[in-house]
């Protein structure tokens, strides 16, 4: 069990900017893409970030469906699986 997480959020707006009414699948995909993009700042390739999300003990949550027209989903990435500090700080990312 992990105690510390870095949380990424996505809403139901796709990469092209199209709104998908309360679509939690789009929201979760956006949360995953946000996590992958964040990991590239630490030297991971997008493919490595994708593989890490597929094998790490991440948690996915439907975080809100009351803010019509947006659904909100979050991906919780345990920070304790890394051998370095992946948290944002004053030095970046």
PDB file of N, CA and C in Angstrom:
ATOM      1  N   UNK A   1       0.835  -1.177   0.000  1.00  0.00           N
ATOM      2  CA  UNK A   1       0.000   0.000   0.000  1.00  0.00           C
ATOM      3  C   UNK A   1       0.882   1.243   0.000  1.00  0.00           C
ATOM      4  N   UNK A   2       0.493   2.188  -0.803  1.00  0.00           N
ATOM      5  CA  UNK A   2       1.242   3.443  -0.903  1.00  0.00           C
ATOM      6  C   UNK A   2       0.475   4.557  -0.215  1.00  0.00           C
ATOM      7  N   UNK A   3       1.214   5.538   0.269  1.00  0.00           N
ATOM      8  CA  UNK A   3       0.600   6.639   1.002  1.00  0.00           C
ATOM      9  C   UNK A   3       0.678   7.974   0.281  1.00  0.00           C
ATOM     10  N   UNK A   4       1.607   8.104  -0.667  1.00  0.00           N
ATOM     11  CA  UNK A   4       1.811   9.383  -1.352  1.00  0.00           C
ATOM     12  C   UNK A   4       1.577   9.202  -2.845  1.00  0.00           C
ATOM     13  N   UNK A   5       0.782  10.096  -3.398  1.00  0.00           N
ATOM     14  CA  UNK A   5       0.414  10.013  -4.808  1.00  0.00           C
ATOM     15  C   UNK A   5       0.580  11.369  -5.476  1.00  0.00           C
ATOM     16  N   UNK A   6       0.876  11.328  -6.754  1.00  0.00           N
ATOM     17  CA  UNK A   6       0.806  12.491  -7.615  1.00  0.00           C
ATOM     18  C   UNK A   6      -0.460  12.292  -8.441  1.00  0.00           C
ATOM     19  N   UNK A   7      -1.349  13.261  -8.430  1.00  0.00           N
ATOM     20  CA  UNK A   7      -2.669  13.086  -9.029  1.00  0.00           C
ATOM     21  C   UNK A   7      -2.788  13.930 -10.294  1.00  0.00           C
ATOM     22  N   UNK A   8      -3.229  13.290 -11.364  1.00  0.00           N
ATOM     23  CA  UNK A   8      -3.432  13.942 -12.650  1.00  0.00           C
ATOM     24  C   UNK A   8      -4.919  13.953 -12.958  1.00  0.00           C
ATOM     25  N   UNK A   9      -5.385  15.065 -13.510  1.00  0.00           N
ATOM     26  CA  UNK A   9      -6.811  15.247 -13.768  1.00  0.00           C
ATOM     27  C   UNK A   9      -7.069  15.356 -15.262  1.00  0.00           C
ATOM     28  N   UNK A  10      -8.215  14.877 -15.676  1.00  0.00           N
ATOM     29  CA  UNK A  10      -8.662  15.042 -17.047  1.00  0.00           C
ATOM     30  C   UNK A  10     -10.146  15.344 -17.062  1.00  0.00           C
ATOM     31  N   UNK A  11     -10.557  16.132 -18.051  1.00  0.00           N
ATOM     32  CA  UNK A  11     -11.982  16.398 -18.235  1.00  0.00           C
ATOM     33  C   UNK A  11     -12.398  15.897 -19.607  1.00  0.00           C
ATOM     34  N   UNK A  12     -13.687  15.867 -19.844  1.00  0.00           N
ATOM     35  CA  UNK A  12     -14.220  15.245 -21.059  1.00  0.00           C
ATOM     36  C   UNK A  12     -14.151  16.169 -22.276  1.00  0.00           C
ATOM     37  N   UNK A  13     -12.944  16.682 -22.515  1.00  0.00           N
ATOM     38  CA  UNK A  13     -12.639  17.456 -23.716  1.00  0.00           C
ATOM     39  C   UNK A  13     -11.451  16.765 -24.359  1.00  0.00           C
ATOM     40  N   UNK A  14     -11.593  16.361 -25.631  1.00  0.00           N
ATOM     41  CA  UNK A  14     -10.520  15.589 -26.265  1.00  0.00           C
ATOM     42  C   UNK A  14      -9.375  16.483 -26.733  1.00  0.00           C
ATOM     43  N   UNK A  15      -8.368  15.861 -27.346  1.00  0.00           N
ATOM     44  CA  UNK A  15      -7.157  16.557 -27.765  1.00  0.00           C
ATOM     45  C   UNK A  15      -7.421  17.648 -28.788  1.00  0.00           C
ATOM     46  N   UNK A  16      -8.491  17.513 -29.568  1.00  0.00           N
ATOM     47  CA  UNK A  16      -8.815  18.524 -30.580  1.00  0.00           C
ATOM     48  C   UNK A  16      -9.664  19.654 -30.012  1.00  0.00           C
ATOM     49  N   UNK A  17     -10.029  19.565 -28.730  1.00  0.00           N
ATOM     50  CA  UNK A  17     -10.841  20.591 -28.104  1.00  0.00           C
ATOM     51  C   UNK A  17     -12.332  20.330 -28.156  1.00  0.00           C
ATOM     52  N   UNK A  18     -12.730  19.170 -28.663  1.00  0.00           N
ATOM     53  CA  UNK A  18     -14.152  18.837 -28.754  1.00  0.00           C
ATOM     54  C   UNK A  18     -14.677  18.357 -27.406  1.00  0.00           C
ATOM     55  N   UNK A  19     -15.799  18.946 -26.992  1.00  0.00           N
ATOM     56  CA  UNK A  19     -16.465  18.566 -25.748  1.00  0.00           C
ATOM     57  C   UNK A  19     -17.237  17.266 -25.952  1.00  0.00           C
ATOM     58  N   UNK A  20     -17.091  16.337 -25.012  1.00  0.00           N
ATOM     59  CA  UNK A  20     -17.853  15.084 -25.016  1.00  0.00           C
ATOM     60  C   UNK A  20     -18.689  15.070 -23.746  1.00  0.00           C
ATOM     61  N   UNK A  21     -19.970  15.234 -23.892  1.00  0.00           N
ATOM     62  CA  UNK A  21     -20.898  15.425 -22.780  1.00  0.00           C
ATOM     63  C   UNK A  21     -20.798  14.298 -21.755  1.00  0.00           C
ATOM     64  N   UNK A  22     -20.309  14.630 -20.566  1.00  0.00           N
ATOM     65  CA  UNK A  22     -20.189  13.713 -19.429  1.00  0.00           C
ATOM     66  C   UNK A  22     -19.530  12.376 -19.774  1.00  0.00           C
ATOM     67  N   UNK A  23     -18.557  12.392 -20.681  1.00  0.00           N
ATOM     68  CA  UNK A  23     -17.888  11.161 -21.114  1.00  0.00           C
ATOM     69  C   UNK A  23     -16.661  10.898 -20.237  1.00  0.00           C
ATOM     70  N   UNK A  24     -16.828  10.012 -19.272  1.00  0.00           N
ATOM     71  CA  UNK A  24     -15.746   9.729 -18.332  1.00  0.00           C
ATOM     72  C   UNK A  24     -14.590   8.988 -19.009  1.00  0.00           C
ATOM     73  N   UNK A  25     -14.852   8.299 -20.106  1.00  0.00           N
ATOM     74  CA  UNK A  25     -13.769   7.625 -20.834  1.00  0.00           C
ATOM     75  C   UNK A  25     -12.801   8.645 -21.419  1.00  0.00           C
ATOM     76  N   UNK A  26     -13.333   9.696 -22.009  1.00  0.00           N
ATOM     77  CA  UNK A  26     -12.488  10.765 -22.542  1.00  0.00           C
ATOM     78  C   UNK A  26     -11.746  11.451 -21.396  1.00  0.00           C
ATOM     79  N   UNK A  27     -12.437  11.683 -20.298  1.00  0.00           N
ATOM     80  CA  UNK A  27     -11.817  12.340 -19.147  1.00  0.00           C
ATOM     81  C   UNK A  27     -10.648  11.514 -18.608  1.00  0.00           C
ATOM     82  N   UNK A  28     -10.828  10.203 -18.495  1.00  0.00           N
ATOM     83  CA  UNK A  28      -9.744   9.368 -17.970  1.00  0.00           C
ATOM     84  C   UNK A  28      -8.583   9.296 -18.957  1.00  0.00           C
ATOM     85  N   UNK A  29      -8.880   9.244 -20.245  1.00  0.00           N
ATOM     86  CA  UNK A  29      -7.808   9.260 -21.242  1.00  0.00           C
ATOM     87  C   UNK A  29      -6.998  10.548 -21.114  1.00  0.00           C
ATOM     88  N   UNK A  30      -7.673  11.669 -20.899  1.00  0.00           N
ATOM     89  CA  UNK A  30      -6.969  12.938 -20.744  1.00  0.00           C
ATOM     90  C   UNK A  30      -6.098  12.941 -19.485  1.00  0.00           C
ATOM     91  N   UNK A  31      -6.586  12.345 -18.410  1.00  0.00           N
ATOM     92  CA  UNK A  31      -5.773  12.232 -17.193  1.00  0.00           C
ATOM     93  C   UNK A  31      -4.516  11.406 -17.468  1.00  0.00           C
ATOM     94  N   UNK A  32      -4.672  10.314 -18.200  1.00  0.00           N
ATOM     95  CA  UNK A  32      -3.518   9.470 -18.552  1.00  0.00           C
ATOM     96  C   UNK A  32      -2.537  10.228 -19.434  1.00  0.00           C
ATOM     97  N   UNK A  33      -3.056  10.950 -20.422  1.00  0.00           N
ATOM     98  CA  UNK A  33      -2.181  11.727 -21.301  1.00  0.00           C
ATOM     99  C   UNK A  33      -1.454  12.822 -20.524  1.00  0.00           C
ATOM    100  N   UNK A  34      -2.125  13.428 -19.561  1.00  0.00           N
ATOM    101  CA  UNK A  34      -1.464  14.433 -18.716  1.00  0.00           C
ATOM    102  C   UNK A  34      -0.342  13.801 -17.898  1.00  0.00           C
ATOM    103  N   UNK A  35      -0.564  12.606 -17.387  1.00  0.00           N
ATOM    104  CA  UNK A  35       0.475  11.904 -16.624  1.00  0.00           C
ATOM    105  C   UNK A  35       1.659  11.552 -17.524  1.00  0.00           C
ATOM    106  N   UNK A  36       1.381  11.040 -18.706  1.00  0.00           N
ATOM    107  CA  UNK A  36       2.451  10.682 -19.647  1.00  0.00           C
ATOM    108  C   UNK A  36       3.253  11.914 -20.026  1.00  0.00           C
ATOM    109  N   UNK A  37       2.569  13.009 -20.320  1.00  0.00           N
ATOM    110  CA  UNK A  37       3.252  14.251 -20.668  1.00  0.00           C
ATOM    111  C   UNK A  37       4.135  14.728 -19.515  1.00  0.00           C
ATOM    112  N   UNK A  38       3.648  14.631 -18.301  1.00  0.00           N
ATOM    113  CA  UNK A  38       4.429  15.035 -17.126  1.00  0.00           C
ATOM    114  C   UNK A  38       5.686  14.177 -16.995  1.00  0.00           C
ATOM    115  N   UNK A  39       5.563  12.881 -17.213  1.00  0.00           N
ATOM    116  CA  UNK A  39       6.722  11.993 -17.064  1.00  0.00           C
ATOM    117  C   UNK A  39       7.796  12.256 -18.112  1.00  0.00           C
ATOM    118  N   UNK A  40       7.414  12.810 -19.274  1.00  0.00           N
ATOM    119  CA  UNK A  40       8.426  13.133 -20.285  1.00  0.00           C
ATOM    120  C   UNK A  40       9.372  14.217 -19.782  1.00  0.00           C
ATOM    121  N   UNK A  41       8.937  15.018 -18.834  1.00  0.00           N
ATOM    122  CA  UNK A  41       9.797  16.058 -18.266  1.00  0.00           C
ATOM    123  C   UNK A  41      10.924  15.469 -17.414  1.00  0.00           C
ATOM    124  N   UNK A  42      10.823  14.197 -17.096  1.00  0.00           N
ATOM    125  CA  UNK A  42      11.849  13.505 -16.315  1.00  0.00           C
ATOM    126  C   UNK A  42      12.658  12.545 -17.180  1.00  0.00           C
ATOM    127  N   UNK A  43      12.527  12.654 -18.490  1.00  0.00           N
ATOM    128  CA  UNK A  43      13.326  11.842 -19.390  1.00  0.00           C
ATOM    129  C   UNK A  43      12.662  10.593 -19.922  1.00  0.00           C
ATOM    130  N   UNK A  44      11.455  10.310 -19.486  1.00  0.00           N
ATOM    131  CA  UNK A  44      10.729   9.158 -20.022  1.00  0.00           C
ATOM    132  C   UNK A  44      10.196   9.498 -21.413  1.00  0.00           C
ATOM    133  N   UNK A  45      10.234   8.539 -22.310  1.00  0.00           N
ATOM    134  CA  UNK A  45       9.578   8.733 -23.600  1.00  0.00           C
ATOM    135  C   UNK A  45       8.076   8.539 -23.388  1.00  0.00           C
ATOM    136  N   UNK A  46       7.244   9.039 -24.310  1.00  0.00           N
ATOM    137  CA  UNK A  46       5.805   8.775 -24.170  1.00  0.00           C
ATOM    138  C   UNK A  46       5.486   7.283 -24.086  1.00  0.00           C
ATOM    139  N   UNK A  47       6.202   6.460 -24.847  1.00  0.00           N
ATOM    140  CA  UNK A  47       5.967   5.009 -24.800  1.00  0.00           C
ATOM    141  C   UNK A  47       6.340   4.436 -23.433  1.00  0.00           C
ATOM    142  N   UNK A  48       7.425   4.928 -22.842  1.00  0.00           N
ATOM    143  CA  UNK A  48       7.815   4.467 -21.506  1.00  0.00           C
ATOM    144  C   UNK A  48       6.795   4.907 -20.457  1.00  0.00           C
ATOM    145  N   UNK A  49       6.287   6.123 -20.587  1.00  0.00           N
ATOM    146  CA  UNK A  49       5.253   6.593 -19.670  1.00  0.00           C
ATOM    147  C   UNK A  49       3.994   5.757 -19.772  1.00  0.00           C
ATOM    148  N   UNK A  50       3.616   5.412 -20.996  1.00  0.00           N
ATOM    149  CA  UNK A  50       2.444   4.563 -21.231  1.00  0.00           C
ATOM    150  C   UNK A  50       2.653   3.185 -20.597  1.00  0.00           C
ATOM    151  N   UNK A  51       3.846   2.623 -20.795  1.00  0.00           N
ATOM    152  CA  UNK A  51       4.151   1.308 -20.223  1.00  0.00           C
ATOM    153  C   UNK A  51       4.163   1.367 -18.697  1.00  0.00           C
ATOM    154  N   UNK A  52       4.692   2.455 -18.147  1.00  0.00           N
ATOM    155  CA  UNK A  52       4.715   2.597 -16.696  1.00  0.00           C
ATOM    156  C   UNK A  52       3.294   2.649 -16.141  1.00  0.00           C
ATOM    157  N   UNK A  53       2.412   3.410 -16.785  1.00  0.00           N
ATOM    158  CA  UNK A  53       1.026   3.481 -16.317  1.00  0.00           C
ATOM    159  C   UNK A  53       0.323   2.135 -16.432  1.00  0.00           C
ATOM    160  N   UNK A  54       0.737   1.330 -17.404  1.00  0.00           N
ATOM    161  CA  UNK A  54       0.126   0.018 -17.579  1.00  0.00           C
ATOM    162  C   UNK A  54       0.615  -1.022 -16.591  1.00  0.00           C
ATOM    163  N   UNK A  55       1.746  -0.748 -15.936  1.00  0.00           N
ATOM    164  CA  UNK A  55       2.302  -1.745 -15.020  1.00  0.00           C
ATOM    165  C   UNK A  55       2.388  -1.270 -13.569  1.00  0.00           C
ATOM    166  N   UNK A  56       2.295   0.022 -13.346  1.00  0.00           N
ATOM    167  CA  UNK A  56       2.376   0.561 -11.979  1.00  0.00           C
ATOM    168  C   UNK A  56       1.029   0.411 -11.270  1.00  0.00           C
ATOM    169  N   UNK A  57       1.045   0.401  -9.953  1.00  0.00           N
ATOM    170  CA  UNK A  57      -0.210   0.285  -9.197  1.00  0.00           C
ATOM    171  C   UNK A  57      -0.943   1.629  -9.109  1.00  0.00           C
ATOM    172  N   UNK A  58      -1.347   2.151 -10.270  1.00  0.00           N
ATOM    173  CA  UNK A  58      -2.071   3.421 -10.298  1.00  0.00           C
ATOM    174  C   UNK A  58      -3.522   3.202  -9.879  1.00  0.00           C
ATOM    175  N   UNK A  59      -4.143   4.272  -9.458  1.00  0.00           N
ATOM    176  CA  UNK A  59      -5.569   4.241  -9.149  1.00  0.00           C
ATOM    177  C   UNK A  59      -6.279   5.200 -10.090  1.00  0.00           C
ATOM    178  N   UNK A  60      -7.408   4.783 -10.615  1.00  0.00           N
ATOM    179  CA  UNK A  60      -8.242   5.647 -11.437  1.00  0.00           C
ATOM    180  C   UNK A  60      -9.531   5.951 -10.704  1.00  0.00           C
ATOM    181  N   UNK A  61      -9.923   7.220 -10.724  1.00  0.00           N
ATOM    182  CA  UNK A  61     -11.130   7.634 -10.008  1.00  0.00           C
ATOM    183  C   UNK A  61     -12.019   8.482 -10.908  1.00  0.00           C
ATOM    184  N   UNK A  62     -13.304   8.251 -10.846  1.00  0.00           N
ATOM    185  CA  UNK A  62     -14.256   9.196 -11.414  1.00  0.00           C
ATOM    186  C   UNK A  62     -14.423  10.258 -10.344  1.00  0.00           C
ATOM    187  N   UNK A  63     -13.958  11.446 -10.639  1.00  0.00           N
ATOM    188  CA  UNK A  63     -13.872  12.469  -9.598  1.00  0.00           C
ATOM    189  C   UNK A  63     -15.009  13.470  -9.628  1.00  0.00           C
ATOM    190  N   UNK A  64     -15.755  13.501 -10.696  1.00  0.00           N
ATOM    191  CA  UNK A  64     -16.890  14.412 -10.745  1.00  0.00           C
ATOM    192  C   UNK A  64     -17.680  14.263 -12.020  1.00  0.00           C
ATOM    193  N   UNK A  65     -18.976  14.167 -11.881  1.00  0.00           N
ATOM    194  CA  UNK A  65     -19.858  14.155 -13.052  1.00  0.00           C
ATOM    195  C   UNK A  65     -21.030  15.110 -12.840  1.00  0.00           C
ATOM    196  N   UNK A  66     -20.868  16.027 -11.922  1.00  0.00           N
ATOM    197  CA  UNK A  66     -21.953  16.957 -11.619  1.00  0.00           C
ATOM    198  C   UNK A  66     -21.791  18.306 -12.313  1.00  0.00           C
ATOM    199  N   UNK A  67     -20.622  18.562 -12.885  1.00  0.00           N
ATOM    200  CA  UNK A  67     -20.368  19.845 -13.535  1.00  0.00           C
ATOM    201  C   UNK A  67     -20.672  19.758 -15.023  1.00  0.00           C
ATOM    202  N   UNK A  68     -21.943  19.682 -15.338  1.00  0.00           N
ATOM    203  CA  UNK A  68     -22.389  19.556 -16.729  1.00  0.00           C
ATOM    204  C   UNK A  68     -21.781  20.696 -17.535  1.00  0.00           C
ATOM    205  N   UNK A  69     -21.171  20.446 -18.680  1.00  0.00           N
ATOM    206  CA  UNK A  69     -21.158  19.206 -19.446  1.00  0.00           C
ATOM    207  C   UNK A  69     -19.920  18.347 -19.215  1.00  0.00           C
ATOM    208  N   UNK A  70     -19.096  18.698 -18.230  1.00  0.00           N
ATOM    209  CA  UNK A  70     -17.821  18.001 -18.052  1.00  0.00           C
ATOM    210  C   UNK A  70     -17.896  16.847 -17.063  1.00  0.00           C
ATOM    211  N   UNK A  71     -17.236  15.759 -17.434  1.00  0.00           N
ATOM    212  CA  UNK A  71     -16.919  14.699 -16.484  1.00  0.00           C
ATOM    213  C   UNK A  71     -15.459  14.906 -16.100  1.00  0.00           C
ATOM    214  N   UNK A  72     -15.108  14.554 -14.901  1.00  0.00           N
ATOM    215  CA  UNK A  72     -13.738  14.691 -14.422  1.00  0.00           C
ATOM    216  C   UNK A  72     -13.261  13.335 -13.915  1.00  0.00           C
ATOM    217  N   UNK A  73     -12.077  12.940 -14.355  1.00  0.00           N
ATOM    218  CA  UNK A  73     -11.466  11.697 -13.886  1.00  0.00           C
ATOM    219  C   UNK A  73     -10.048  12.014 -13.428  1.00  0.00           C
ATOM    220  N   UNK A  74      -9.571  11.240 -12.465  1.00  0.00           N
ATOM    221  CA  UNK A  74      -8.209  11.433 -11.983  1.00  0.00           C
ATOM    222  C   UNK A  74      -7.447  10.116 -11.999  1.00  0.00           C
ATOM    223  N   UNK A  75      -6.158  10.243 -12.198  1.00  0.00           N
ATOM    224  CA  UNK A  75      -5.240   9.114 -12.146  1.00  0.00           C
ATOM    225  C   UNK A  75      -4.278   9.386 -11.001  1.00  0.00           C
ATOM    226  N   UNK A  76      -4.197   8.453 -10.074  1.00  0.00           N
ATOM    227  CA  UNK A  76      -3.327   8.587  -8.908  1.00  0.00           C
ATOM    228  C   UNK A  76      -2.086   7.722  -9.117  1.00  0.00           C
ATOM    229  N   UNK A  77      -0.930   8.364  -9.235  1.00  0.00           N
ATOM    230  CA  UNK A  77       0.344   7.683  -9.464  1.00  0.00           C
ATOM    231  C   UNK A  77       1.142   7.685  -8.160  1.00  0.00           C
ATOM    232  N   UNK A  78       1.445   6.503  -7.596  1.00  0.00           N
ATOM    233  CA  UNK A  78       2.205   6.482  -6.339  1.00  0.00           C
ATOM    234  C   UNK A  78       3.633   6.981  -6.560  1.00  0.00           C
ATOM    235  N   UNK A  79       4.027   7.975  -5.779  1.00  0.00           N
ATOM    236  CA  UNK A  79       5.360   8.556  -5.951  1.00  0.00           C
ATOM    237  C   UNK A  79       6.454   7.670  -5.367  1.00  0.00           C
ATOM    238  N   UNK A  80       6.091   6.768  -4.496  1.00  0.00           N
ATOM    239  CA  UNK A  80       7.082   5.926  -3.823  1.00  0.00           C
ATOM    240  C   UNK A  80       7.654   4.831  -4.730  1.00  0.00           C
ATOM    241  N   UNK A  81       7.135   4.679  -5.940  1.00  0.00           N
ATOM    242  CA  UNK A  81       7.685   3.684  -6.864  1.00  0.00           C
ATOM    243  C   UNK A  81       8.915   4.212  -7.592  1.00  0.00           C
ATOM    244  N   UNK A  82       9.181   5.514  -7.470  1.00  0.00           N
ATOM    245  CA  UNK A  82      10.312   6.127  -8.153  1.00  0.00           C
ATOM    246  C   UNK A  82      11.503   6.229  -7.205  1.00  0.00           C
ATOM    247  N   UNK A  83      12.699   6.145  -7.772  1.00  0.00           N
ATOM    248  CA  UNK A  83      13.918   6.269  -6.973  1.00  0.00           C
ATOM    249  C   UNK A  83      14.369   7.722  -6.875  1.00  0.00           C
ATOM    250  N   UNK A  84      13.592   8.626  -7.401  1.00  0.00           N
ATOM    251  CA  UNK A  84      13.885  10.056  -7.349  1.00  0.00           C
ATOM    252  C   UNK A  84      12.583  10.785  -7.044  1.00  0.00           C
ATOM    253  N   UNK A  85      12.707  12.057  -6.703  1.00  0.00           N
ATOM    254  CA  UNK A  85      11.529  12.853  -6.366  1.00  0.00           C
ATOM    255  C   UNK A  85      10.838  13.298  -7.650  1.00  0.00           C
ATOM    256  N   UNK A  86       9.671  12.773  -7.901  1.00  0.00           N
ATOM    257  CA  UNK A  86       8.919  13.102  -9.106  1.00  0.00           C
ATOM    258  C   UNK A  86       7.918  14.228  -8.862  1.00  0.00           C
ATOM    259  N   UNK A  87       7.815  14.685  -7.631  1.00  0.00           N
ATOM    260  CA  UNK A  87       6.863  15.743  -7.297  1.00  0.00           C
ATOM    261  C   UNK A  87       7.298  17.079  -7.884  1.00  0.00           C
ATOM    262  N   UNK A  88       6.345  17.908  -8.277  1.00  0.00           N
ATOM    263  CA  UNK A  88       6.706  19.256  -8.727  1.00  0.00           C
ATOM    264  C   UNK A  88       7.257  20.061  -7.549  1.00  0.00           C
ATOM    265  N   UNK A  89       8.210  20.930  -7.846  1.00  0.00           N
ATOM    266  CA  UNK A  89       8.783  21.796  -6.815  1.00  0.00           C
ATOM    267  C   UNK A  89       9.235  23.095  -7.460  1.00  0.00           C
ATOM    268  N   UNK A  90       9.892  23.938  -6.714  1.00  0.00           N
ATOM    269  CA  UNK A  90      10.311  25.244  -7.224  1.00  0.00           C
ATOM    270  C   UNK A  90      11.293  25.133  -8.387  1.00  0.00           C
ATOM    271  N   UNK A  91      12.028  24.023  -8.467  1.00  0.00           N
ATOM    272  CA  UNK A  91      13.001  23.830  -9.538  1.00  0.00           C
ATOM    273  C   UNK A  91      12.384  23.229 -10.796  1.00  0.00           C
ATOM    274  N   UNK A  92      11.147  22.778 -10.727  1.00  0.00           N
ATOM    275  CA  UNK A  92      10.478  22.215 -11.896  1.00  0.00           C
ATOM    276  C   UNK A  92       9.901  20.866 -11.568  1.00  0.00           C
ATOM    277  N   UNK A  93       9.371  20.191 -12.483  1.00  0.00           N
ATOM    278  CA  UNK A  93       8.987  20.677 -13.805  1.00  0.00           C
ATOM    279  C   UNK A  93       7.761  21.535 -13.755  1.00  0.00           C
TER     280      UNK A  93
END
